[in-house]
Amino acid sequence: MLRKFKISIDGQEYLVEMEEIGGTPTPVAPVTQAVEQPAAPAPEAKSESQPVVNQAAADADAMAAPMPGTVIKILVAPGDQVVENQPLLVLEAMKMENEIVADRAGQVSQIFVERNQSVNAGDALITIK
């Protein structure tokens, strides 16, 4: 036995015919209604503005994140002396902890990230002078 239902989804009404389960199936031609949808509004024009750039990205001394992830430990502080290959921070990516090490010896002059901060590949992490 076929039953008709009127269903409203997001403000649009649809007429649906359903067959009761347990009865013998009968072929039914689909009932479709042409629904006129209003045109989407035109996107607003964006103002001419400068793109947001990480200040340290242009600094040649800044170490960049090698991959996207979350900073889970910072092992140094500004003013600390570091040697080449010394661990600076731990970056978690894809459930793995990756130590970010100093690429050269020097003094940590600035740290651009905080614990539990998400970073993208290329974001500045630490500056060593």
C-alpha atoms as a PDB file:
ATOM      1  CA  MET A   1       0.000   0.000   0.000  1.00  0.00           C
ATOM      2  CA  LEU A   2       1.403   3.400  -0.965  1.00  0.00           C
ATOM      3  CA  ARG A   3       1.221   6.281   1.444  1.00  0.00           C
ATOM      4  CA  LYS A   4       1.875   9.936   0.652  1.00  0.00           C
ATOM      5  CA  PHE A   5       3.753  12.273   2.961  1.00  0.00           C
ATOM      6  CA  LYS A   6       4.547  15.948   2.789  1.00  0.00           C
ATOM      7  CA  ILE A   7       8.047  16.600   4.207  1.00  0.00           C
ATOM      8  CA  SER A   8       9.614  19.977   4.956  1.00  0.00           C
ATOM      9  CA  ILE A   9      13.440  20.179   4.895  1.00  0.00           C
ATOM     10  CA  ASP A  10      15.156  23.533   5.430  1.00  0.00           C
ATOM     11  CA  GLY A  11      11.990  25.352   4.505  1.00  0.00           C
ATOM     12  CA  GLN A  12      11.485  23.388   1.263  1.00  0.00           C
ATOM     13  CA  GLU A  13       8.445  21.121   1.022  1.00  0.00           C
ATOM     14  CA  TYR A  14       8.574  17.765  -0.751  1.00  0.00           C
ATOM     15  CA  LEU A  15       5.802  15.310  -1.609  1.00  0.00           C
ATOM     16  CA  VAL A  16       6.974  11.728  -0.977  1.00  0.00           C
ATOM     17  CA  GLU A  17       5.258   8.417  -1.709  1.00  0.00           C
ATOM     18  CA  MET A  18       6.319   5.466   0.437  1.00  0.00           C
ATOM     19  CA  GLU A  19       5.512   1.794   0.224  1.00  0.00           C
ATOM     20  CA  GLU A  20       4.636  -0.059   3.376  1.00  0.00           C
ATOM     21  CA  ILE A  21       7.206  -2.762   4.210  1.00  0.00           C
ATOM     22  CA  GLY A  22       5.852  -6.285   4.180  1.00  0.00           C
ATOM     23  CA  GLY A  23       3.499  -5.711   1.291  1.00  0.00           C
ATOM     24  CA  THR A  24       4.223  -6.727  -2.256  1.00  0.00           C
ATOM     25  CA  PRO A  25       6.392  -4.215  -4.085  1.00  0.00           C
ATOM     26  CA  THR A  26       4.715  -2.267  -6.819  1.00  0.00           C
ATOM     27  CA  PRO A  27       6.610  -0.110  -9.270  1.00  0.00           C
ATOM     28  CA  VAL A  28       5.954   3.561  -8.730  1.00  0.00           C
ATOM     29  CA  ALA A  29       6.973   6.409 -10.959  1.00  0.00           C
ATOM     30  CA  PRO A  30       8.957   8.966  -8.943  1.00  0.00           C
ATOM     31  CA  VAL A  31       7.130  12.148  -8.109  1.00  0.00           C
ATOM     32  CA  THR A  32       9.359  15.163  -8.452  1.00  0.00           C
ATOM     33  CA  GLN A  33       8.530  18.783  -8.182  1.00  0.00           C
ATOM     34  CA  ALA A  34      10.590  21.534  -9.704  1.00  0.00           C
ATOM     35  CA  VAL A  35      11.626  23.703  -6.815  1.00  0.00           C
ATOM     36  CA  GLU A  36      12.750  27.172  -7.659  1.00  0.00           C
ATOM     37  CA  GLN A  37      15.638  28.230  -5.478  1.00  0.00           C
ATOM     38  CA  PRO A  38      16.656  31.844  -5.084  1.00  0.00           C
ATOM     39  CA  ALA A  39      20.005  32.790  -6.561  1.00  0.00           C
ATOM     40  CA  ALA A  40      22.900  32.862  -4.150  1.00  0.00           C
ATOM     41  CA  PRO A  41      23.901  36.365  -3.083  1.00  0.00           C
ATOM     42  CA  ALA A  42      26.950  37.795  -4.797  1.00  0.00           C
ATOM     43  CA  PRO A  43      30.090  37.608  -2.660  1.00  0.00           C
ATOM     44  CA  GLU A  44      31.137  40.838  -1.049  1.00  0.00           C
ATOM     45  CA  ALA A  45      34.071  42.590  -2.631  1.00  0.00           C
ATOM     46  CA  LYS A  46      37.150  42.248  -0.472  1.00  0.00           C
ATOM     47  CA  SER A  47      38.979  45.385   0.419  1.00  0.00           C
ATOM     48  CA  GLU A  48      42.527  45.770  -0.788  1.00  0.00           C
ATOM     49  CA  SER A  49      44.585  44.833   2.228  1.00  0.00           C
ATOM     50  CA  GLN A  50      48.004  43.457   2.847  1.00  0.00           C
ATOM     51  CA  PRO A  51      48.168  39.698   3.449  1.00  0.00           C
ATOM     52  CA  VAL A  52      48.948  38.611   6.974  1.00  0.00           C
ATOM     53  CA  VAL A  53      52.583  37.545   7.089  1.00  0.00           C
ATOM     54  CA  ASN A  54      54.377  36.005  10.026  1.00  0.00           C
ATOM     55  CA  GLN A  55      56.892  38.720  10.998  1.00  0.00           C
ATOM     56  CA  ALA A  56      59.656  36.226  11.530  1.00  0.00           C
ATOM     57  CA  ALA A  57      59.135  34.413   8.238  1.00  0.00           C
ATOM     58  CA  ALA A  58      61.298  36.953   6.445  1.00  0.00           C
ATOM     59  CA  ASP A  59      64.022  36.783   9.116  1.00  0.00           C
ATOM     60  CA  ALA A  60      66.854  34.579   7.837  1.00  0.00           C
ATOM     61  CA  ASP A  61      67.745  33.583  11.417  1.00  0.00           C
ATOM     62  CA  ALA A  62      64.264  32.224  12.205  1.00  0.00           C
ATOM     63  CA  MET A  63      63.842  28.457  12.210  1.00  0.00           C
ATOM     64  CA  ALA A  64      60.704  27.379  10.344  1.00  0.00           C
ATOM     65  CA  ALA A  65      58.385  24.506  11.201  1.00  0.00           C
ATOM     66  CA  PRO A  66      59.201  21.583   8.902  1.00  0.00           C
ATOM     67  CA  MET A  67      55.608  20.285   8.993  1.00  0.00           C
ATOM     68  CA  PRO A  68      52.200  21.232  10.389  1.00  0.00           C
ATOM     69  CA  GLY A  69      51.586  20.134  13.966  1.00  0.00           C
ATOM     70  CA  THR A  70      51.192  21.189  17.592  1.00  0.00           C
ATOM     71  CA  VAL A  71      53.988  22.470  19.820  1.00  0.00           C
ATOM     72  CA  ILE A  72      53.875  20.270  22.924  1.00  0.00           C
ATOM     73  CA  LYS A  73      57.156  21.215  24.649  1.00  0.00           C
ATOM     74  CA  ILE A  74      59.489  24.207  24.495  1.00  0.00           C
ATOM     75  CA  LEU A  75      62.915  23.185  25.767  1.00  0.00           C
ATOM     76  CA  VAL A  76      64.738  26.562  25.625  1.00  0.00           C
ATOM     77  CA  ALA A  77      64.114  30.167  26.646  1.00  0.00           C
ATOM     78  CA  PRO A  78      65.163  33.498  25.126  1.00  0.00           C
ATOM     79  CA  GLY A  79      68.789  34.177  26.019  1.00  0.00           C
ATOM     80  CA  ASP A  80      69.796  30.505  26.220  1.00  0.00           C
ATOM     81  CA  GLN A  81      72.994  29.467  24.458  1.00  0.00           C
ATOM     82  CA  VAL A  82      72.454  26.468  22.179  1.00  0.00           C
ATOM     83  CA  VAL A  83      74.766  24.193  20.236  1.00  0.00           C
ATOM     84  CA  GLU A  84      74.148  22.676  16.825  1.00  0.00           C
ATOM     85  CA  ASN A  85      71.657  19.758  16.932  1.00  0.00           C
ATOM     86  CA  GLN A  86      70.459  20.659  20.460  1.00  0.00           C
ATOM     87  CA  PRO A  87      66.702  19.980  20.868  1.00  0.00           C
ATOM     88  CA  LEU A  88      64.737  23.257  20.973  1.00  0.00           C
ATOM     89  CA  LEU A  89      61.128  22.103  21.066  1.00  0.00           C
ATOM     90  CA  VAL A  90      58.908  19.092  20.451  1.00  0.00           C
ATOM     91  CA  LEU A  91      56.334  19.229  17.658  1.00  0.00           C
ATOM     92  CA  GLU A  92      53.562  16.635  17.550  1.00  0.00           C
ATOM     93  CA  ALA A  93      52.427  15.739  14.039  1.00  0.00           C
ATOM     94  CA  MET A  94      50.227  12.767  13.116  1.00  0.00           C
ATOM     95  CA  LYS A  95      50.431  11.385  16.689  1.00  0.00           C
ATOM     96  CA  MET A  96      54.250  11.353  16.588  1.00  0.00           C
ATOM     97  CA  GLU A  97      56.571  13.563  18.621  1.00  0.00           C
ATOM     98  CA  ASN A  98      59.301  15.221  16.537  1.00  0.00           C
ATOM     99  CA  GLU A  99      62.235  17.037  18.142  1.00  0.00           C
ATOM    100  CA  ILE A 100      63.107  20.274  16.384  1.00  0.00           C
ATOM    101  CA  VAL A 101      66.849  20.810  16.780  1.00  0.00           C
ATOM    102  CA  ALA A 102      69.090  23.842  16.349  1.00  0.00           C
ATOM    103  CA  ASP A 103      70.576  24.068  12.863  1.00  0.00           C
ATOM    104  CA  ARG A 104      73.543  26.034  14.245  1.00  0.00           C
ATOM    105  CA  ALA A 105      75.098  27.186  17.503  1.00  0.00           C
ATOM    106  CA  GLY A 106      74.095  30.559  18.907  1.00  0.00           C
ATOM    107  CA  GLN A 107      71.815  32.364  21.328  1.00  0.00           C
ATOM    108  CA  VAL A 108      68.022  32.035  21.319  1.00  0.00           C
ATOM    109  CA  SER A 109      66.816  35.578  20.750  1.00  0.00           C
ATOM    110  CA  GLN A 110      63.081  35.062  20.264  1.00  0.00           C
ATOM    111  CA  ILE A 111      60.467  32.309  20.516  1.00  0.00           C
ATOM    112  CA  PHE A 112      57.408  32.813  18.305  1.00  0.00           C
ATOM    113  CA  VAL A 113      55.268  29.915  19.550  1.00  0.00           C
ATOM    114  CA  GLU A 114      53.661  28.778  22.792  1.00  0.00           C
ATOM    115  CA  ARG A 115      52.933  25.358  24.239  1.00  0.00           C
ATOM    116  CA  ASN A 116      49.840  23.705  22.632  1.00  0.00           C
ATOM    117  CA  GLN A 117      49.922  26.129  19.699  1.00  0.00           C
ATOM    118  CA  SER A 118      49.183  24.751  16.226  1.00  0.00           C
ATOM    119  CA  VAL A 119      51.662  25.658  13.499  1.00  0.00           C
ATOM    120  CA  ASN A 120      51.773  25.219   9.738  1.00  0.00           C
ATOM    121  CA  ALA A 121      54.774  24.159   7.712  1.00  0.00           C
ATOM    122  CA  GLY A 122      57.003  27.195   7.243  1.00  0.00           C
ATOM    123  CA  ASP A 123      55.789  29.099  10.320  1.00  0.00           C
ATOM    124  CA  ALA A 124      58.597  30.712  12.311  1.00  0.00           C
ATOM    125  CA  LEU A 125      59.362  28.916  15.571  1.00  0.00           C
ATOM    126  CA  ILE A 126      62.580  30.274  17.101  1.00  0.00           C
ATOM    127  CA  THR A 127      65.248  32.796  16.148  1.00  0.00           C
ATOM    128  CA  ILE A 128      68.889  31.945  16.852  1.00  0.00           C
ATOM    129  CA  LYS A 129      71.455  34.755  16.534  1.00  0.00           C
END
